Amino acid sequence: MFVSINELDRHVEKAVTVRGWVRHHRKSGKIQFIVMRDGTGVAQIVMARNDVDEAVFEAAKTLTQESSISVTGTVQQNPRNNKCEIVASTLEIIHISEPFPITPKEHGTEFLMDNRHLWFRSQRQWAILRIRHRLAKAIRDFFDDRGYTNIDSPILTPTAAEGTSTLFAVDYFGEQAFLSQSGQLYLEPAVAAFGKVYCFGPTFRAEKSKTRRHLTEFWMVEPEIAFAHLSDIMDLAQEFIHYLISQVIEHNTPELEILERDIDTLKQSLQPFIRMTYSEAVAQLHALGSDIEWGSDFGGDDETLLTQQYDQPIIVHRFPKEFKAFYMEPDPEDPRLVLGMDVLAPEGYGEVIGGGERASSIDFLLDQIKKHELSEEPYSWYLDVRRYGSFPHAGFGLGLERAVAWICKLPHVRETIPYPRMLYRLKP
């Protein structure tokens, strides 16, 4: 009976067959210990000379790291650590691996990135990408279970969503097109049809940044809600992040342990979030020694300084309109501000969510398009949302990779995606 390693505890004292790859192999006279993985977990194989054919025992001595094998034996529970292992009765060698480039020693970052396609076989990378998978599933479950309709937004677009300076331009049959920075502009017409929508897919920013928080290609989930205001999406963002963290803690504790992630610290983010206005945040930063000027966007150092003061995320809201997107709704109580908000993760991880209320006045949007020196024609379809039954609406975007980095407590986002794309990194 073929079983997965993560199912071994259901088959104690039974004969099973597992297939996978050799992680480690140790020989000691009349016994061999093989640590193997199969994609679901890791298990030890104990092979005694007296329990298998002599030819099988001798052949097993030739196993190398990452050789593929099939093992049949009896599942037993090791009394020392309560983990299940297999006492082998036979072993089939499927392939003897060539010397594997990544060995149990220190390797430089560039070497590991050049061998990314092999690096995520390691236990640490396996754990990170399992948590990424859990978060991707939880994202869809959260919105699907709450009546949102998934709208797939295009990757090729004729317009900018987040400013023209970070666009990747491509030739589109003689016309200039761009890789999408956000699906939001396409969600706004859809929300008028469905009430609550979201998109979830790859987005692109041609930002020449080499910080630990930046990728040029990343995945983003973006909900959009009709008749919603700033307070509604601040509440939604808190509920959403609480759900994501709860799902990882419930289903991925073994992976968090591999990463040595302090789960009690992570649970602190299940508290209600701290909320403050941009002006209050600037005042607090000044008190902490920052020289940020009112009207400037937060830098990474400012976000780190601010978030280190709290155990749970912070929602900063009502930003100066000068550095926010053209479609943000102005604050009716202060024309200098827009009804935007950012969620800043604790432990120095900074912004994981950005969003706000969208402008509902076509006259205001036309004025903003002009002020941002954008061409009106490419946005004509977007402006139709305000021509035909305009309504208040709001939404946000969460960057999956930043969420993974924070929840796993990783030093850099390059480990949060199978094949990272960064400044000067386009392979493998």
Protein backbone atom coordinates (compact mmCIF):
# COMPACT_ATOMS: atom_id res chain seq x y z
CA MET A 1 0.00 0.00 0.00
CA PHE A 2 1.48 3.31 -1.11
CA VAL A 3 1.13 6.08 1.51
CA SER A 4 2.46 9.57 2.04
CA ILE A 5 4.90 10.30 4.84
CA ASN A 6 2.43 12.67 6.50
CA GLU A 7 0.01 9.72 6.79
CA LEU A 8 2.38 7.30 8.52
CA ASP A 9 0.82 7.84 11.95
CA ARG A 10 -2.39 6.23 10.61
CA HIS A 11 -0.54 3.03 9.72
CA VAL A 12 1.50 2.13 12.81
CA GLU A 13 2.46 -1.58 12.83
CA LYS A 14 1.28 -1.95 9.22
CA ALA A 15 3.27 -2.63 6.05
CA VAL A 16 3.43 0.35 3.69
CA THR A 17 5.39 1.62 0.70
CA VAL A 18 6.67 5.19 0.44
CA ARG A 19 8.42 6.88 -2.47
CA GLY A 20 10.64 9.92 -2.38
CA TRP A 21 14.16 11.30 -2.26
CA VAL A 22 17.13 10.75 0.04
CA ARG A 23 17.88 13.71 2.26
CA HIS A 24 20.57 12.04 4.37
CA HIS A 25 22.16 8.59 4.54
CA ARG A 26 24.18 7.14 7.38
CA LYS A 27 25.78 3.64 7.41
CA SER A 28 26.88 1.83 10.55
CA GLY A 29 27.97 -1.78 10.09
CA LYS A 30 24.87 -3.96 10.02
CA ILE A 31 22.38 -1.10 9.91
CA GLN A 32 21.68 1.87 7.65
CA PHE A 33 19.62 4.97 8.41
CA ILE A 34 18.06 6.81 5.48
CA VAL A 35 16.23 10.09 5.97
CA MET A 36 13.86 10.58 3.06
CA ARG A 37 11.29 13.15 2.00
CA ASP A 38 8.31 12.78 -0.32
CA GLY A 39 6.92 16.34 -0.53
CA THR A 40 4.53 15.85 2.39
CA GLY A 41 7.10 15.34 5.12
CA VAL A 42 10.32 13.67 6.23
CA ALA A 43 10.79 10.21 7.74
CA GLN A 44 13.62 7.96 8.81
CA ILE A 45 14.07 4.56 7.20
CA VAL A 46 15.84 1.94 9.32
CA MET A 47 17.40 -0.86 7.30
CA ALA A 48 19.00 -3.77 9.15
CA ARG A 49 21.11 -6.30 7.24
CA ASN A 50 19.10 -9.20 8.70
CA ASP A 51 15.76 -7.74 7.55
CA VAL A 52 16.50 -7.35 3.82
CA ASP A 53 18.18 -9.26 1.03
CA GLU A 54 21.94 -8.91 1.01
CA ALA A 55 21.85 -7.41 -2.49
CA VAL A 56 19.35 -4.77 -1.36
CA PHE A 57 21.47 -3.89 1.67
CA GLU A 58 24.61 -3.51 -0.46
CA ALA A 59 22.83 -1.52 -3.16
CA ALA A 60 21.51 0.91 -0.52
CA LYS A 61 25.09 1.79 0.37
CA THR A 62 25.41 3.55 -3.00
CA LEU A 63 22.62 6.05 -2.27
CA THR A 64 23.52 9.70 -2.64
CA GLN A 65 21.74 12.87 -1.56
CA GLU A 66 18.56 13.35 -3.65
CA SER A 67 18.56 9.82 -5.07
CA SER A 68 14.97 8.68 -5.68
CA ILE A 69 13.82 5.48 -3.99
CA SER A 70 10.81 3.35 -3.11
CA VAL A 71 10.82 1.70 0.32
CA THR A 72 8.53 -0.98 1.72
CA GLY A 73 8.46 -1.77 5.41
CA THR A 74 6.59 -1.65 8.71
CA VAL A 75 5.65 1.63 10.35
CA GLN A 76 6.85 1.94 13.94
CA GLN A 77 6.76 4.78 16.42
CA ASN A 78 10.17 5.75 17.77
CA PRO A 79 9.80 5.82 21.59
CA ARG A 80 12.46 8.53 21.92
CA ASN A 81 10.71 11.21 19.87
CA ASN A 82 7.27 9.68 19.13
CA LYS A 83 7.91 10.13 15.41
CA CYS A 84 6.95 7.44 12.94
CA GLU A 85 9.70 5.65 11.06
CA ILE A 86 9.79 2.69 8.70
CA VAL A 87 11.68 -0.54 9.35
CA ALA A 88 12.53 -1.53 5.80
CA SER A 89 11.90 -4.97 4.33
CA THR A 90 12.97 -3.97 0.83
CA LEU A 91 14.17 -0.93 -1.09
CA GLU A 92 14.09 -0.13 -4.79
CA ILE A 93 16.51 2.41 -6.22
CA ILE A 94 14.77 4.46 -8.89
CA HIS A 95 17.68 6.77 -9.68
CA ILE A 96 21.09 7.51 -8.21
CA SER A 97 21.50 11.28 -8.13
CA GLU A 98 24.56 13.04 -9.42
CA PRO A 99 26.39 15.07 -6.72
CA PHE A 100 23.79 17.55 -5.52
CA PRO A 101 24.98 21.20 -5.67
CA ILE A 102 23.37 22.23 -2.39
CA THR A 103 24.96 20.35 0.48
CA PRO A 104 24.54 20.67 4.28
CA LYS A 105 26.92 23.63 4.54
CA GLU A 106 26.81 27.40 4.17
CA HIS A 107 26.18 28.66 0.64
CA GLY A 108 26.18 32.26 -0.54
CA THR A 109 22.91 33.98 -1.43
CA GLU A 110 23.79 34.37 -5.12
CA PHE A 111 24.66 30.68 -5.40
CA LEU A 112 21.36 29.68 -3.78
CA MET A 113 19.39 32.09 -5.98
CA ASP A 114 21.09 30.73 -9.12
CA ASN A 115 20.02 27.28 -7.94
CA ARG A 116 16.57 28.36 -6.76
CA HIS A 117 14.96 25.48 -8.68
CA LEU A 118 16.90 23.11 -6.41
CA TRP A 119 17.00 25.24 -3.26
CA PHE A 120 13.34 24.84 -2.48
CA ARG A 121 13.92 21.12 -1.92
CA SER A 122 15.51 22.15 1.39
CA GLN A 123 13.39 21.81 4.51
CA ARG A 124 13.35 25.54 5.23
CA GLN A 125 12.25 26.52 1.73
CA TRP A 126 9.72 23.69 1.70
CA ALA A 127 8.20 25.05 4.92
CA ILE A 128 8.03 28.62 3.56
CA LEU A 129 6.31 27.59 0.34
CA ARG A 130 3.87 25.35 2.23
CA ILE A 131 2.86 28.39 4.30
CA ARG A 132 2.56 30.44 1.11
CA HIS A 133 0.23 27.79 -0.26
CA ARG A 134 -1.86 27.90 2.92
CA LEU A 135 -2.15 31.69 2.72
CA ALA A 136 -3.16 31.56 -0.96
CA LYS A 137 -5.91 29.06 -0.10
CA ALA A 138 -7.01 31.07 2.92
CA ILE A 139 -7.23 34.25 0.82
CA ARG A 140 -9.66 32.63 -1.60
CA ASP A 141 -11.62 30.92 1.17
CA PHE A 142 -12.01 34.17 3.10
CA PHE A 143 -13.56 36.10 0.23
CA ASP A 144 -15.46 33.20 -1.34
CA ASP A 145 -17.12 32.38 1.98
CA ARG A 146 -18.21 36.01 2.39
CA GLY A 147 -20.00 36.34 -0.92
CA TYR A 148 -17.29 38.00 -3.01
CA THR A 149 -17.06 37.23 -6.74
CA ASN A 150 -13.62 36.58 -8.19
CA ILE A 151 -12.88 38.82 -11.19
CA ASP A 152 -9.76 37.99 -13.17
CA SER A 153 -8.15 41.27 -14.16
CA PRO A 154 -5.88 41.50 -17.22
CA ILE A 155 -2.10 41.41 -16.97
CA LEU A 156 -1.66 43.47 -20.14
CA THR A 157 -3.11 46.95 -19.74
CA PRO A 158 -3.08 50.28 -21.63
CA THR A 159 -2.93 52.45 -18.49
CA ALA A 160 -1.08 53.05 -15.25
CA ALA A 161 -2.74 52.35 -11.91
CA GLU A 162 -0.02 53.36 -9.47
CA GLY A 163 2.03 55.96 -11.35
CA THR A 164 3.86 55.90 -14.67
CA SER A 165 7.38 55.69 -13.22
CA THR A 166 7.11 52.00 -12.27
CA LEU A 167 5.57 50.55 -15.43
CA PHE A 168 7.01 47.68 -17.48
CA ALA A 169 6.31 48.60 -21.12
CA VAL A 170 5.80 45.89 -23.78
CA ASP A 171 5.09 46.00 -27.50
CA TYR A 172 1.53 44.95 -28.22
CA PHE A 173 1.28 44.48 -32.02
CA GLY A 174 2.73 47.91 -32.63
CA GLU A 175 1.03 49.58 -29.68
CA GLN A 176 2.54 50.24 -26.29
CA ALA A 177 1.07 48.23 -23.44
CA PHE A 178 2.11 47.71 -19.84
CA LEU A 179 2.28 44.87 -17.35
CA SER A 180 -0.39 45.42 -14.73
CA GLN A 181 0.53 47.21 -11.51
CA SER A 182 -2.85 46.43 -9.98
CA GLY A 183 -6.22 44.95 -10.88
CA GLN A 184 -8.10 47.66 -9.03
CA LEU A 185 -9.13 49.80 -11.99
CA TYR A 186 -10.77 46.73 -13.51
CA LEU A 187 -12.48 45.78 -10.26
CA GLU A 188 -14.30 49.10 -9.93
CA PRO A 189 -16.57 48.52 -12.96
CA ALA A 190 -17.11 44.94 -11.76
CA VAL A 191 -18.14 45.99 -8.27
CA ALA A 192 -21.05 47.90 -9.84
CA ALA A 193 -22.24 44.57 -11.22
CA PHE A 194 -21.56 42.24 -8.29
CA GLY A 195 -21.38 44.40 -5.14
CA LYS A 196 -18.36 42.63 -3.66
CA VAL A 197 -15.46 41.43 -5.82
CA TYR A 198 -11.80 40.52 -5.61
CA CYS A 199 -8.91 39.61 -7.89
CA PHE A 200 -5.85 37.59 -6.99
CA GLY A 201 -2.88 37.26 -9.28
CA PRO A 202 0.53 38.53 -10.38
CA THR A 203 1.31 42.25 -10.57
CA PHE A 204 4.43 44.08 -11.71
CA ARG A 205 6.34 47.15 -10.57
CA ALA A 206 9.42 48.39 -12.42
CA GLU A 207 10.80 49.89 -9.24
CA LYS A 208 14.58 50.01 -9.14
CA SER A 209 14.76 49.04 -5.52
CA LYS A 210 16.98 46.47 -3.83
CA THR A 211 15.39 46.51 -0.38
CA ARG A 212 14.37 43.35 1.45
CA ARG A 213 10.70 44.18 0.81
CA HIS A 214 10.68 44.56 -2.98
CA LEU A 215 10.08 42.24 -5.90
CA THR A 216 9.37 43.32 -9.48
CA GLU A 217 6.78 40.54 -9.86
CA PHE A 218 4.56 39.67 -6.93
CA TRP A 219 1.07 38.37 -6.16
CA MET A 220 -1.61 40.63 -4.81
CA VAL A 221 -5.19 40.11 -3.65
CA GLU A 222 -7.49 43.10 -4.06
CA PRO A 223 -11.05 43.20 -2.71
CA GLU A 224 -13.41 45.98 -3.73
CA ILE A 225 -16.75 46.72 -2.02
CA ALA A 226 -19.68 48.85 -3.20
CA PHE A 227 -21.15 51.43 -0.80
CA ALA A 228 -18.18 50.97 1.53
CA HIS A 229 -16.21 53.70 3.27
CA LEU A 230 -12.78 53.95 4.86
CA SER A 231 -13.93 52.59 8.21
CA ASP A 232 -15.45 49.52 6.51
CA ILE A 233 -12.24 48.44 4.85
CA MET A 234 -10.17 49.08 7.96
CA ASP A 235 -12.47 46.64 9.75
CA LEU A 236 -12.25 44.21 6.82
CA ALA A 237 -8.45 44.38 6.73
CA GLN A 238 -8.25 43.48 10.42
CA GLU A 239 -10.70 40.58 10.05
CA PHE A 240 -8.83 39.36 6.95
CA ILE A 241 -5.39 39.32 8.56
CA HIS A 242 -6.76 37.69 11.69
CA TYR A 243 -8.17 34.92 9.49
CA LEU A 244 -4.91 34.40 7.58
CA ILE A 245 -2.84 34.13 10.76
CA SER A 246 -5.36 31.79 12.38
CA GLN A 247 -5.30 29.47 9.38
CA VAL A 248 -1.50 29.23 9.38
CA ILE A 249 -1.36 28.60 13.13
CA GLU A 250 -4.08 25.93 12.85
CA HIS A 251 -2.67 24.07 9.85
CA ASN A 252 1.05 24.85 9.62
CA THR A 253 2.49 24.61 13.12
CA PRO A 254 5.11 22.01 12.00
CA GLU A 255 6.32 24.39 9.28
CA LEU A 256 6.45 27.30 11.73
CA GLU A 257 8.54 25.11 14.04
CA ILE A 258 10.95 24.30 11.20
CA LEU A 259 11.36 28.04 10.67
CA GLU A 260 11.75 28.55 14.45
CA ARG A 261 8.94 31.10 14.28
CA ASP A 262 7.73 32.20 17.73
CA ILE A 263 4.05 31.34 17.51
CA ASP A 264 3.17 33.24 20.69
CA THR A 265 4.58 36.41 19.13
CA LEU A 266 2.55 35.75 15.97
CA LYS A 267 -0.60 35.31 18.07
CA GLN A 268 -0.18 38.87 19.36
CA SER A 269 -1.43 40.03 15.96
CA LEU A 270 -4.81 38.46 16.69
CA GLN A 271 -5.49 41.43 18.98
CA PRO A 272 -7.41 44.47 17.67
CA PHE A 273 -5.09 46.58 15.54
CA ILE A 274 -3.70 49.94 16.62
CA ARG A 275 -5.27 52.78 14.59
CA MET A 276 -3.82 56.26 14.10
CA THR A 277 -3.98 59.04 11.55
CA TYR A 278 -1.01 59.92 9.39
CA SER A 279 -0.52 63.12 11.40
CA GLU A 280 -0.53 61.15 14.67
CA ALA A 281 1.99 58.71 13.19
CA VAL A 282 4.30 61.55 12.12
CA ALA A 283 4.11 63.06 15.61
CA GLN A 284 4.97 59.70 17.14
CA LEU A 285 7.89 59.25 14.74
CA HIS A 286 9.22 62.67 15.71
CA ALA A 287 9.08 61.61 19.36
CA LEU A 288 11.05 58.49 18.43
CA GLY A 289 13.78 60.51 16.74
CA SER A 290 12.72 60.43 13.06
CA ASP A 291 13.23 63.53 10.94
CA ILE A 292 10.29 62.80 8.61
CA GLU A 293 8.48 65.91 7.43
CA TRP A 294 4.69 66.14 7.37
CA GLY A 295 3.65 65.54 3.76
CA SER A 296 6.32 62.94 3.04
CA ASP A 297 5.56 59.27 2.56
CA PHE A 298 6.91 56.80 5.09
CA GLY A 299 10.21 55.16 4.24
CA GLY A 300 11.11 51.65 5.30
CA ASP A 301 13.02 52.95 8.32
CA ASP A 302 10.00 55.00 9.44
CA GLU A 303 7.69 51.99 9.15
CA THR A 304 10.16 49.83 11.06
CA LEU A 305 10.54 52.41 13.83
CA LEU A 306 6.80 52.81 14.19
CA THR A 307 5.87 49.13 14.14
CA GLN A 308 8.52 48.17 16.67
CA GLN A 309 6.49 50.03 19.31
CA TYR A 310 3.57 47.58 19.14
CA ASP A 311 2.96 43.83 19.22
CA GLN A 312 0.14 43.92 16.64
CA PRO A 313 -0.32 45.64 13.26
CA ILE A 314 -1.00 49.36 12.95
CA ILE A 315 -3.55 50.91 10.60
CA VAL A 316 -2.42 54.38 9.53
CA HIS A 317 -5.13 56.36 7.74
CA ARG A 318 -5.87 59.75 6.14
CA PHE A 319 -2.69 60.45 4.17
CA PRO A 320 -1.65 63.62 2.34
CA LYS A 321 -3.02 63.41 -1.19
CA GLU A 322 0.27 64.54 -2.72
CA PHE A 323 1.84 61.07 -2.65
CA LYS A 324 -1.28 58.94 -3.03
CA ALA A 325 -2.93 57.65 -6.21
CA PHE A 326 -5.11 59.96 -8.30
CA TYR A 327 -8.29 57.97 -7.62
CA MET A 328 -8.32 58.41 -3.82
CA GLU A 329 -11.41 60.08 -2.28
CA PRO A 330 -10.52 63.41 -0.61
CA ASP A 331 -11.12 63.76 3.11
CA PRO A 332 -14.20 66.02 3.48
CA GLU A 333 -12.80 67.38 6.75
CA ASP A 334 -9.36 68.31 5.39
CA PRO A 335 -8.75 68.90 1.64
CA ARG A 336 -5.04 68.17 2.10
CA LEU A 337 -5.84 64.53 2.87
CA VAL A 338 -7.34 61.50 1.18
CA LEU A 339 -9.29 58.63 2.73
CA GLY A 340 -6.50 56.12 2.37
CA MET A 341 -5.09 53.59 4.79
CA ASP A 342 -2.07 51.30 5.15
CA VAL A 343 -1.71 48.28 7.41
CA LEU A 344 1.81 48.05 8.85
CA ALA A 345 2.90 44.66 10.14
CA PRO A 346 4.78 44.44 13.46
CA GLU A 347 8.40 43.34 14.06
CA GLY A 348 9.63 45.87 11.51
CA TYR A 349 7.92 44.35 8.46
CA GLY A 350 6.01 47.47 7.45
CA GLU A 351 3.26 47.82 4.88
CA VAL A 352 1.39 44.64 3.94
CA ILE A 353 -1.91 46.28 2.91
CA GLY A 354 -2.61 49.56 1.14
CA GLY A 355 -6.01 50.87 0.14
CA GLY A 356 -8.73 53.38 0.69
CA GLU A 357 -11.96 54.91 -0.46
CA ARG A 358 -12.22 55.64 -4.19
CA ALA A 359 -13.26 59.01 -5.58
CA SER A 360 -16.89 58.95 -6.74
CA SER A 361 -16.95 62.36 -8.48
CA ILE A 362 -16.09 62.37 -12.19
CA ASP A 363 -15.16 66.06 -12.04
CA PHE A 364 -12.68 65.40 -9.25
CA LEU A 365 -11.15 62.47 -11.16
CA LEU A 366 -10.81 64.49 -14.35
CA ASP A 367 -9.02 67.18 -12.37
CA GLN A 368 -6.73 64.60 -10.76
CA ILE A 369 -5.89 62.98 -14.09
CA LYS A 370 -4.85 66.38 -15.38
CA LYS A 371 -2.79 67.16 -12.25
CA HIS A 372 -0.98 63.83 -12.52
CA GLU A 373 -0.23 64.65 -16.18
CA LEU A 374 -2.05 61.55 -17.41
CA SER A 375 -3.92 61.24 -20.70
CA GLU A 376 -7.70 61.21 -20.23
CA GLU A 377 -8.53 58.93 -23.17
CA PRO A 378 -7.08 55.65 -21.79
CA TYR A 379 -9.22 56.12 -18.64
CA SER A 380 -12.52 56.83 -20.40
CA TRP A 381 -13.88 53.36 -19.66
CA TYR A 382 -12.84 53.72 -16.00
CA LEU A 383 -14.65 57.06 -15.76
CA ASP A 384 -17.86 55.37 -16.95
CA VAL A 385 -18.24 54.00 -13.42
CA ARG A 386 -18.87 57.62 -12.33
CA ARG A 387 -21.07 58.46 -15.33
CA TYR A 388 -23.59 55.67 -14.85
CA GLY A 389 -24.77 55.40 -11.27
CA SER A 390 -21.78 56.60 -9.30
CA PHE A 391 -21.54 55.31 -5.74
CA PRO A 392 -19.10 55.28 -2.82
CA HIS A 393 -16.79 52.27 -2.83
CA ALA A 394 -13.53 51.19 -1.25
CA GLY A 395 -10.95 48.45 -1.33
CA PHE A 396 -7.36 47.48 -0.66
CA GLY A 397 -4.51 45.31 -1.85
CA LEU A 398 -2.48 42.80 0.17
CA GLY A 399 0.91 41.71 -1.13
CA LEU A 400 1.16 37.96 -0.62
CA GLU A 401 4.96 37.89 -0.45
CA ARG A 402 5.16 40.56 2.23
CA ALA A 403 2.56 38.67 4.25
CA VAL A 404 4.56 35.44 3.91
CA ALA A 405 7.78 37.21 4.92
CA TRP A 406 6.16 38.61 8.05
CA ILE A 407 4.30 35.47 9.11
CA CYS A 408 7.41 33.31 8.56
CA LYS A 409 9.71 36.04 9.95
CA LEU A 410 12.04 36.00 6.96
CA PRO A 411 14.84 38.50 6.37
CA HIS A 412 14.00 39.01 2.66
CA VAL A 413 11.04 38.52 0.33
CA ARG A 414 13.19 36.56 -2.14
CA GLU A 415 12.41 33.38 -0.15
CA THR A 416 8.64 33.88 -0.28
CA ILE A 417 8.03 33.04 -3.95
CA PRO A 418 9.23 30.01 -5.93
CA TYR A 419 11.04 32.01 -8.63
CA PRO A 420 11.70 35.58 -7.45
CA ARG A 421 12.08 38.43 -9.91
CA MET A 422 14.14 41.33 -8.58
CA LEU A 423 16.39 44.07 -9.88
CA TYR A 424 19.17 42.15 -11.73
CA ARG A 425 17.48 38.78 -11.10
CA LEU A 426 15.63 37.14 -14.01
CA LYS A 427 16.69 33.50 -13.69
CA PRO A 428 16.08 30.68 -13.25
